[in-house]
Structures are given as structure tokens and as C-alpha cells.
Amino acid sequence: MRFWKGYGQMSEIIFEVREAEEGGLWARALGYPIFTQGEDWDDLRAMVKDAVACHFENEAERPKIIRLYFASDEVLAA
């Protein structure tokens, strides 16, 4: 995983996305205390972009790419 590029400028931040028990989706950044949720994918995308902008107030330090990784658990009977 490439988190840093060049002279301290972040190139990418990765979010784990899961379905919320109460409905909708939640996302958390790997390695940063950034959490958000949305009703659907479009809403979640907007909320993630807003959360990243709030966390990295200085635009020069803000990641250039946001990667959303959807994780799901599947349970199989043995």
C-alpha cells in the first residue's frame, strides 16, 4: 500500500466499507481516525469526501485518491 508520495504529500487513503446493521453503509479510514456513514453508495461517497476534507484541512496535505474497499463477511455451513 502506498500512503505517501514525494515530499510528505499523501497520495492515497483507503476506507473499509461495510453494511451497517441498522441499514446503509459505514466507512472507516485505515490508519486514521476518520469514520462516516451514508444511506447508499452515492451518499457514502459524498460523506467520505467531506470527512477527508475535514480531517485534512490543509489541501496540500490531503490525499489525492480515496479508495473505498467494500468488505463483507460470508458464513458457510460446514
C-alpha atoms as a PDB file:
ATOM      1  CA  MET A   1       0.000   0.000   0.000  1.00  0.00           C
ATOM      2  CA  ARG A   2       1.299   3.417  -0.944  1.00  0.00           C
ATOM      3  CA  PHE A   3       0.233   6.059   1.543  1.00  0.00           C
ATOM      4  CA  TRP A   4       2.945   8.665   0.993  1.00  0.00           C
ATOM      5  CA  LYS A   5       4.456  10.096  -2.155  1.00  0.00           C
ATOM      6  CA  GLY A   6       7.050  12.765  -2.801  1.00  0.00           C
ATOM      7  CA  TYR A   7       7.884  15.229  -0.053  1.00  0.00           C
ATOM      8  CA  GLY A   8       5.379  14.152   2.561  1.00  0.00           C
ATOM      9  CA  GLN A   9       2.350  14.562   0.298  1.00  0.00           C
ATOM     10  CA  MET A  10      -0.194  11.789   0.730  1.00  0.00           C
ATOM     11  CA  SER A  11      -1.262  10.119  -2.499  1.00  0.00           C
ATOM     12  CA  GLU A  12      -3.954   7.706  -1.308  1.00  0.00           C
ATOM     13  CA  ILE A  13      -6.182   6.924   1.644  1.00  0.00           C
ATOM     14  CA  ILE A  14      -8.110   3.655   1.954  1.00  0.00           C
ATOM     15  CA  PHE A  15     -11.506   3.201   3.597  1.00  0.00           C
ATOM     16  CA  GLU A  16     -13.009  -0.103   4.665  1.00  0.00           C
ATOM     17  CA  VAL A  17     -16.730  -0.080   3.831  1.00  0.00           C
ATOM     18  CA  ARG A  18     -19.301  -2.377   5.431  1.00  0.00           C
ATOM     19  CA  GLU A  19     -23.050  -2.653   5.568  1.00  0.00           C
ATOM     20  CA  ALA A  20     -24.452  -1.154   8.768  1.00  0.00           C
ATOM     21  CA  GLU A  21     -26.733  -3.361  10.876  1.00  0.00           C
ATOM     22  CA  GLU A  22     -29.342  -0.599  11.034  1.00  0.00           C
ATOM     23  CA  GLY A  23     -29.189  -0.081   7.262  1.00  0.00           C
ATOM     24  CA  GLY A  24     -26.966   1.922   4.987  1.00  0.00           C
ATOM     25  CA  LEU A  25     -23.178   1.743   4.897  1.00  0.00           C
ATOM     26  CA  TRP A  26     -20.326   2.842   7.135  1.00  0.00           C
ATOM     27  CA  ALA A  27     -16.712   3.544   6.277  1.00  0.00           C
ATOM     28  CA  ARG A  28     -13.532   3.888   8.314  1.00  0.00           C
ATOM     29  CA  ALA A  29     -10.124   5.007   7.135  1.00  0.00           C
ATOM     30  CA  LEU A  30      -7.241   2.618   7.626  1.00  0.00           C
ATOM     31  CA  GLY A  31      -4.639   4.283   9.811  1.00  0.00           C
ATOM     32  CA  TYR A  32      -6.626   7.448  10.538  1.00  0.00           C
ATOM     33  CA  PRO A  33      -9.448   8.259  12.970  1.00  0.00           C
ATOM     34  CA  ILE A  34     -11.936   9.011  10.191  1.00  0.00           C
ATOM     35  CA  PHE A  35     -15.379   7.384  10.349  1.00  0.00           C
ATOM     36  CA  THR A  36     -18.555   8.195   8.434  1.00  0.00           C
ATOM     37  CA  GLN A  37     -21.736   6.621   7.131  1.00  0.00           C
ATOM     38  CA  GLY A  38     -24.249   7.005   4.341  1.00  0.00           C
ATOM     39  CA  GLU A  39     -27.645   5.741   3.257  1.00  0.00           C
ATOM     40  CA  ASP A  40     -26.341   4.346  -0.064  1.00  0.00           C
ATOM     41  CA  TRP A  41     -23.167   4.349  -2.209  1.00  0.00           C
ATOM     42  CA  ASP A  42     -23.727   7.825  -3.611  1.00  0.00           C
ATOM     43  CA  ASP A  43     -24.371   9.270  -0.161  1.00  0.00           C
ATOM     44  CA  LEU A  44     -21.383   7.410   1.310  1.00  0.00           C
ATOM     45  CA  ARG A  45     -19.050   8.723  -1.404  1.00  0.00           C
ATOM     46  CA  ALA A  46     -20.068  12.299  -0.628  1.00  0.00           C
ATOM     47  CA  MET A  47     -19.734  11.746   3.124  1.00  0.00           C
ATOM     48  CA  VAL A  48     -16.264  10.171   2.752  1.00  0.00           C
ATOM     49  CA  LYS A  49     -15.020  13.081   0.629  1.00  0.00           C
ATOM     50  CA  ASP A  50     -16.382  15.541   3.195  1.00  0.00           C
ATOM     51  CA  ALA A  51     -14.818  13.616   6.094  1.00  0.00           C
ATOM     52  CA  VAL A  52     -11.415  13.563   4.382  1.00  0.00           C
ATOM     53  CA  ALA A  53     -11.623  17.299   3.652  1.00  0.00           C
ATOM     54  CA  CYS A  54     -12.499  17.995   7.310  1.00  0.00           C
ATOM     55  CA  HIS A  55      -9.690  15.794   8.638  1.00  0.00           C
ATOM     56  CA  PHE A  56      -7.051  17.213   6.274  1.00  0.00           C
ATOM     57  CA  GLU A  57      -7.906  20.910   6.418  1.00  0.00           C
ATOM     58  CA  ASN A  58      -4.706  21.834   4.586  1.00  0.00           C
ATOM     59  CA  GLU A  59      -5.408  20.934   0.948  1.00  0.00           C
ATOM     60  CA  ALA A  60      -1.712  20.380   0.248  1.00  0.00           C
ATOM     61  CA  GLU A  61      -1.682  17.528   2.796  1.00  0.00           C
ATOM     62  CA  ARG A  62      -4.943  15.978   1.583  1.00  0.00           C
ATOM     63  CA  PRO A  63      -4.737  12.627  -0.249  1.00  0.00           C
ATOM     64  CA  LYS A  64      -5.242  12.781  -4.000  1.00  0.00           C
ATOM     65  CA  ILE A  65      -7.019   9.402  -4.206  1.00  0.00           C
ATOM     66  CA  ILE A  66      -9.684   7.922  -1.924  1.00  0.00           C
ATOM     67  CA  ARG A  67     -10.106   4.171  -2.265  1.00  0.00           C
ATOM     68  CA  LEU A  68     -13.287   2.520  -0.955  1.00  0.00           C
ATOM     69  CA  TYR A  69     -12.849  -1.166  -0.184  1.00  0.00           C
ATOM     70  CA  PHE A  70     -16.162  -2.991   0.387  1.00  0.00           C
ATOM     71  CA  ALA A  71     -15.739  -5.823   2.887  1.00  0.00           C
ATOM     72  CA  SER A  72     -18.380  -8.433   3.565  1.00  0.00           C
ATOM     73  CA  ASP A  73     -18.472 -11.492   5.754  1.00  0.00           C
ATOM     74  CA  GLU A  74     -19.863 -14.721   4.434  1.00  0.00           C
ATOM     75  CA  VAL A  75     -20.649 -17.612   6.738  1.00  0.00           C
ATOM     76  CA  LEU A  76     -20.925 -21.102   5.271  1.00  0.00           C
ATOM     77  CA  ALA A  77     -22.267 -24.220   6.926  1.00  0.00           C
ATOM     78  CA  ALA A  78     -19.586 -26.874   7.274  1.00  0.00           C
END
